[in-house]
Amino acid sequence: RSYVDDLRRRIANCDLVVLDELERADKATTNVIETIREVLDLREGRPLIVISNSSIGEIASAFDHRIASRVSAGSACRLRGQDRRQVLRSKTR
Protein backbone atom coordinates (compact mmCIF):
# COMPACT_ATOMS: atom_id res chain seq x y z
CA ARG A 1 0.00 0.00 0.00
CA SER A 2 1.34 3.44 -0.87
CA TYR A 3 1.69 6.49 1.34
CA VAL A 4 -1.03 8.25 -0.66
CA ASP A 5 -3.44 5.33 -0.23
CA ASP A 6 -2.73 5.27 3.50
CA LEU A 7 -3.31 9.02 3.75
CA ARG A 8 -6.62 8.72 1.87
CA ARG A 9 -7.72 5.95 4.24
CA ARG A 10 -6.78 8.02 7.29
CA ILE A 11 -8.61 11.12 5.97
CA ALA A 12 -11.71 9.06 5.23
CA ASN A 13 -11.78 7.26 8.58
CA CYS A 14 -10.51 9.63 11.27
CA ASP A 15 -12.93 11.24 13.71
CA LEU A 16 -12.38 14.82 12.53
CA VAL A 17 -10.46 16.58 9.75
CA VAL A 18 -9.62 20.28 9.86
CA LEU A 19 -8.77 21.94 6.56
CA ASP A 20 -7.16 25.18 7.67
CA GLU A 21 -6.43 28.26 5.59
CA LEU A 22 -8.42 27.43 2.48
CA GLU A 23 -7.66 30.80 1.00
CA ARG A 24 -8.02 32.55 -2.27
CA ALA A 25 -5.03 31.52 -4.32
CA ASP A 26 -3.93 33.47 -7.35
CA LYS A 27 -2.77 30.36 -9.15
CA ALA A 28 -4.23 27.16 -7.75
CA THR A 29 -2.90 24.29 -9.82
CA THR A 30 -5.11 21.51 -11.11
CA ASN A 31 -3.37 19.17 -8.69
CA VAL A 32 -4.21 21.40 -5.71
CA ILE A 33 -7.84 21.72 -6.81
CA GLU A 34 -8.19 17.95 -7.27
CA THR A 35 -6.58 17.26 -3.89
CA ILE A 36 -8.90 19.67 -2.05
CA ARG A 37 -11.92 18.21 -3.84
CA GLU A 38 -10.83 14.67 -2.94
CA VAL A 39 -10.44 15.58 0.75
CA LEU A 40 -13.90 17.17 0.74
CA ASP A 41 -15.40 14.11 -0.98
CA LEU A 42 -13.68 11.69 1.43
CA ARG A 43 -15.23 13.57 4.35
CA GLU A 44 -18.79 13.67 2.97
CA GLY A 45 -21.15 12.91 5.84
CA ARG A 46 -18.26 12.95 8.34
CA PRO A 47 -17.03 15.72 10.66
CA LEU A 48 -15.00 18.32 8.78
CA ILE A 49 -14.03 21.86 9.69
CA VAL A 50 -12.93 24.20 6.92
CA ILE A 51 -11.30 27.45 8.00
CA SER A 52 -10.92 30.35 5.60
CA ASN A 53 -10.76 34.12 5.46
CA SER A 54 -12.24 33.96 1.95
CA SER A 55 -15.90 34.19 1.00
CA ILE A 56 -17.58 31.34 -0.87
CA GLY A 57 -17.42 33.47 -4.02
CA GLU A 58 -13.68 33.95 -3.60
CA ILE A 59 -13.22 30.22 -3.06
CA ALA A 60 -15.24 29.51 -6.22
CA SER A 61 -13.08 31.95 -8.19
CA ALA A 62 -9.80 30.62 -6.82
CA PHE A 63 -10.57 26.91 -7.04
CA ASP A 64 -13.89 26.06 -8.68
CA HIS A 65 -17.64 26.04 -8.07
CA ARG A 66 -17.64 22.36 -7.07
CA ILE A 67 -15.28 23.06 -4.17
CA ALA A 68 -17.29 26.13 -3.14
CA SER A 69 -20.47 24.04 -3.24
CA ARG A 70 -18.97 21.32 -1.06
CA VAL A 71 -17.58 23.84 1.44
CA SER A 72 -20.90 25.69 1.71
CA ALA A 73 -23.00 22.52 2.13
CA GLY A 74 -22.61 22.44 5.92
CA SER A 75 -23.12 24.87 8.75
CA ALA A 76 -21.19 28.12 8.64
CA CYS A 77 -19.93 30.16 11.53
CA ARG A 78 -18.54 33.62 10.93
CA LEU A 79 -16.18 34.81 13.62
CA ARG A 80 -15.63 38.52 13.96
CA GLY A 81 -13.10 40.47 15.90
CA GLN A 82 -9.50 41.46 15.75
CA ASP A 83 -7.00 39.23 14.06
CA ARG A 84 -5.04 37.55 16.85
CA ARG A 85 -1.76 38.00 14.97
CA GLN A 86 -2.34 41.74 14.68
CA VAL A 87 -3.10 41.97 18.40
CA LEU A 88 0.10 40.09 19.27
CA ARG A 89 2.18 42.29 16.94
CA SER A 90 0.83 45.48 18.48
CA LYS A 91 1.70 44.21 21.98
CA THR A 92 5.29 43.52 21.01
CA ARG A 93 5.94 47.00 19.62
C-alpha atoms as a PDB file:
ATOM      1  CA  ARG A   1       0.000   0.000   0.000  1.00  0.00           C
ATOM      2  CA  SER A   2       1.336   3.442  -0.874  1.00  0.00           C
ATOM      3  CA  TYR A   3       1.693   6.485   1.338  1.00  0.00           C
ATOM      4  CA  VAL A   4      -1.032   8.254  -0.664  1.00  0.00           C
ATOM      5  CA  ASP A   5      -3.445   5.325  -0.230  1.00  0.00           C
ATOM      6  CA  ASP A   6      -2.729   5.268   3.504  1.00  0.00           C
ATOM      7  CA  LEU A   7      -3.311   9.019   3.753  1.00  0.00           C
ATOM      8  CA  ARG A   8      -6.617   8.721   1.871  1.00  0.00           C
ATOM      9  CA  ARG A   9      -7.722   5.952   4.242  1.00  0.00           C
ATOM     10  CA  ARG A  10      -6.781   8.020   7.289  1.00  0.00           C
ATOM     11  CA  ILE A  11      -8.608  11.117   5.969  1.00  0.00           C
ATOM     12  CA  ALA A  12     -11.713   9.062   5.228  1.00  0.00           C
ATOM     13  CA  ASN A  13     -11.779   7.262   8.575  1.00  0.00           C
ATOM     14  CA  CYS A  14     -10.512   9.628  11.271  1.00  0.00           C
ATOM     15  CA  ASP A  15     -12.928  11.244  13.709  1.00  0.00           C
ATOM     16  CA  LEU A  16     -12.380  14.823  12.531  1.00  0.00           C
ATOM     17  CA  VAL A  17     -10.465  16.579   9.752  1.00  0.00           C
ATOM     18  CA  VAL A  18      -9.625  20.285   9.858  1.00  0.00           C
ATOM     19  CA  LEU A  19      -8.770  21.941   6.559  1.00  0.00           C
ATOM     20  CA  ASP A  20      -7.157  25.180   7.667  1.00  0.00           C
ATOM     21  CA  GLU A  21      -6.425  28.261   5.587  1.00  0.00           C
ATOM     22  CA  LEU A  22      -8.422  27.434   2.485  1.00  0.00           C
ATOM     23  CA  GLU A  23      -7.664  30.805   1.004  1.00  0.00           C
ATOM     24  CA  ARG A  24      -8.015  32.552  -2.269  1.00  0.00           C
ATOM     25  CA  ALA A  25      -5.027  31.520  -4.316  1.00  0.00           C
ATOM     26  CA  ASP A  26      -3.930  33.466  -7.349  1.00  0.00           C
ATOM     27  CA  LYS A  27      -2.766  30.361  -9.155  1.00  0.00           C
ATOM     28  CA  ALA A  28      -4.228  27.163  -7.745  1.00  0.00           C
ATOM     29  CA  THR A  29      -2.899  24.290  -9.816  1.00  0.00           C
ATOM     30  CA  THR A  30      -5.112  21.509 -11.114  1.00  0.00           C
ATOM     31  CA  ASN A  31      -3.369  19.166  -8.686  1.00  0.00           C
ATOM     32  CA  VAL A  32      -4.207  21.398  -5.706  1.00  0.00           C
ATOM     33  CA  ILE A  33      -7.839  21.716  -6.809  1.00  0.00           C
ATOM     34  CA  GLU A  34      -8.189  17.948  -7.273  1.00  0.00           C
ATOM     35  CA  THR A  35      -6.575  17.261  -3.890  1.00  0.00           C
ATOM     36  CA  ILE A  36      -8.896  19.666  -2.049  1.00  0.00           C
ATOM     37  CA  ARG A  37     -11.917  18.211  -3.844  1.00  0.00           C
ATOM     38  CA  GLU A  38     -10.827  14.674  -2.937  1.00  0.00           C
ATOM     39  CA  VAL A  39     -10.442  15.580   0.751  1.00  0.00           C
ATOM     40  CA  LEU A  40     -13.904  17.170   0.744  1.00  0.00           C
ATOM     41  CA  ASP A  41     -15.395  14.107  -0.978  1.00  0.00           C
ATOM     42  CA  LEU A  42     -13.681  11.689   1.428  1.00  0.00           C
ATOM     43  CA  ARG A  43     -15.234  13.569   4.345  1.00  0.00           C
ATOM     44  CA  GLU A  44     -18.790  13.666   2.972  1.00  0.00           C
ATOM     45  CA  GLY A  45     -21.149  12.908   5.840  1.00  0.00           C
ATOM     46  CA  ARG A  46     -18.256  12.953   8.345  1.00  0.00           C
ATOM     47  CA  PRO A  47     -17.035  15.722  10.662  1.00  0.00           C
ATOM     48  CA  LEU A  48     -15.000  18.322   8.778  1.00  0.00           C
ATOM     49  CA  ILE A  49     -14.030  21.862   9.694  1.00  0.00           C
ATOM     50  CA  VAL A  50     -12.929  24.205   6.916  1.00  0.00           C
ATOM     51  CA  ILE A  51     -11.304  27.450   7.999  1.00  0.00           C
ATOM     52  CA  SER A  52     -10.916  30.351   5.596  1.00  0.00           C
ATOM     53  CA  ASN A  53     -10.762  34.115   5.463  1.00  0.00           C
ATOM     54  CA  SER A  54     -12.238  33.962   1.954  1.00  0.00           C
ATOM     55  CA  SER A  55     -15.896  34.187   0.999  1.00  0.00           C
ATOM     56  CA  ILE A  56     -17.581  31.340  -0.867  1.00  0.00           C
ATOM     57  CA  GLY A  57     -17.417  33.472  -4.022  1.00  0.00           C
ATOM     58  CA  GLU A  58     -13.676  33.955  -3.604  1.00  0.00           C
ATOM     59  CA  ILE A  59     -13.216  30.217  -3.057  1.00  0.00           C
ATOM     60  CA  ALA A  60     -15.235  29.514  -6.225  1.00  0.00           C
ATOM     61  CA  SER A  61     -13.081  31.951  -8.194  1.00  0.00           C
ATOM     62  CA  ALA A  62      -9.801  30.616  -6.819  1.00  0.00           C
ATOM     63  CA  PHE A  63     -10.568  26.910  -7.038  1.00  0.00           C
ATOM     64  CA  ASP A  64     -13.894  26.056  -8.679  1.00  0.00           C
ATOM     65  CA  HIS A  65     -17.639  26.039  -8.066  1.00  0.00           C
ATOM     66  CA  ARG A  66     -17.639  22.362  -7.071  1.00  0.00           C
ATOM     67  CA  ILE A  67     -15.276  23.060  -4.175  1.00  0.00           C
ATOM     68  CA  ALA A  68     -17.294  26.127  -3.142  1.00  0.00           C
ATOM     69  CA  SER A  69     -20.475  24.045  -3.242  1.00  0.00           C
ATOM     70  CA  ARG A  70     -18.975  21.319  -1.065  1.00  0.00           C
ATOM     71  CA  VAL A  71     -17.581  23.840   1.435  1.00  0.00           C
ATOM     72  CA  SER A  72     -20.898  25.690   1.711  1.00  0.00           C
ATOM     73  CA  ALA A  73     -22.999  22.524   2.130  1.00  0.00           C
ATOM     74  CA  GLY A  74     -22.608  22.439   5.917  1.00  0.00           C
ATOM     75  CA  SER A  75     -23.119  24.868   8.745  1.00  0.00           C
ATOM     76  CA  ALA A  76     -21.190  28.119   8.638  1.00  0.00           C
ATOM     77  CA  CYS A  77     -19.934  30.161  11.532  1.00  0.00           C
ATOM     78  CA  ARG A  78     -18.540  33.625  10.931  1.00  0.00           C
ATOM     79  CA  LEU A  79     -16.183  34.811  13.619  1.00  0.00           C
ATOM     80  CA  ARG A  80     -15.629  38.515  13.956  1.00  0.00           C
ATOM     81  CA  GLY A  81     -13.100  40.474  15.899  1.00  0.00           C
ATOM     82  CA  GLN A  82      -9.500  41.464  15.753  1.00  0.00           C
ATOM     83  CA  ASP A  83      -6.997  39.229  14.063  1.00  0.00           C
ATOM     84  CA  ARG A  84      -5.035  37.551  16.853  1.00  0.00           C
ATOM     85  CA  ARG A  85      -1.762  37.997  14.969  1.00  0.00           C
ATOM     86  CA  GLN A  86      -2.342  41.740  14.684  1.00  0.00           C
ATOM     87  CA  VAL A  87      -3.102  41.973  18.396  1.00  0.00           C
ATOM     88  CA  LEU A  88       0.096  40.090  19.270  1.00  0.00           C
ATOM     89  CA  ARG A  89       2.182  42.289  16.938  1.00  0.00           C
ATOM     90  CA  SER A  90       0.834  45.480  18.476  1.00  0.00           C
ATOM     91  CA  LYS A  91       1.702  44.210  21.977  1.00  0.00           C
ATOM     92  CA  THR A  92       5.295  43.519  21.010  1.00  0.00           C
ATOM     93  CA  ARG A  93       5.935  46.999  19.616  1.00  0.00           C
END
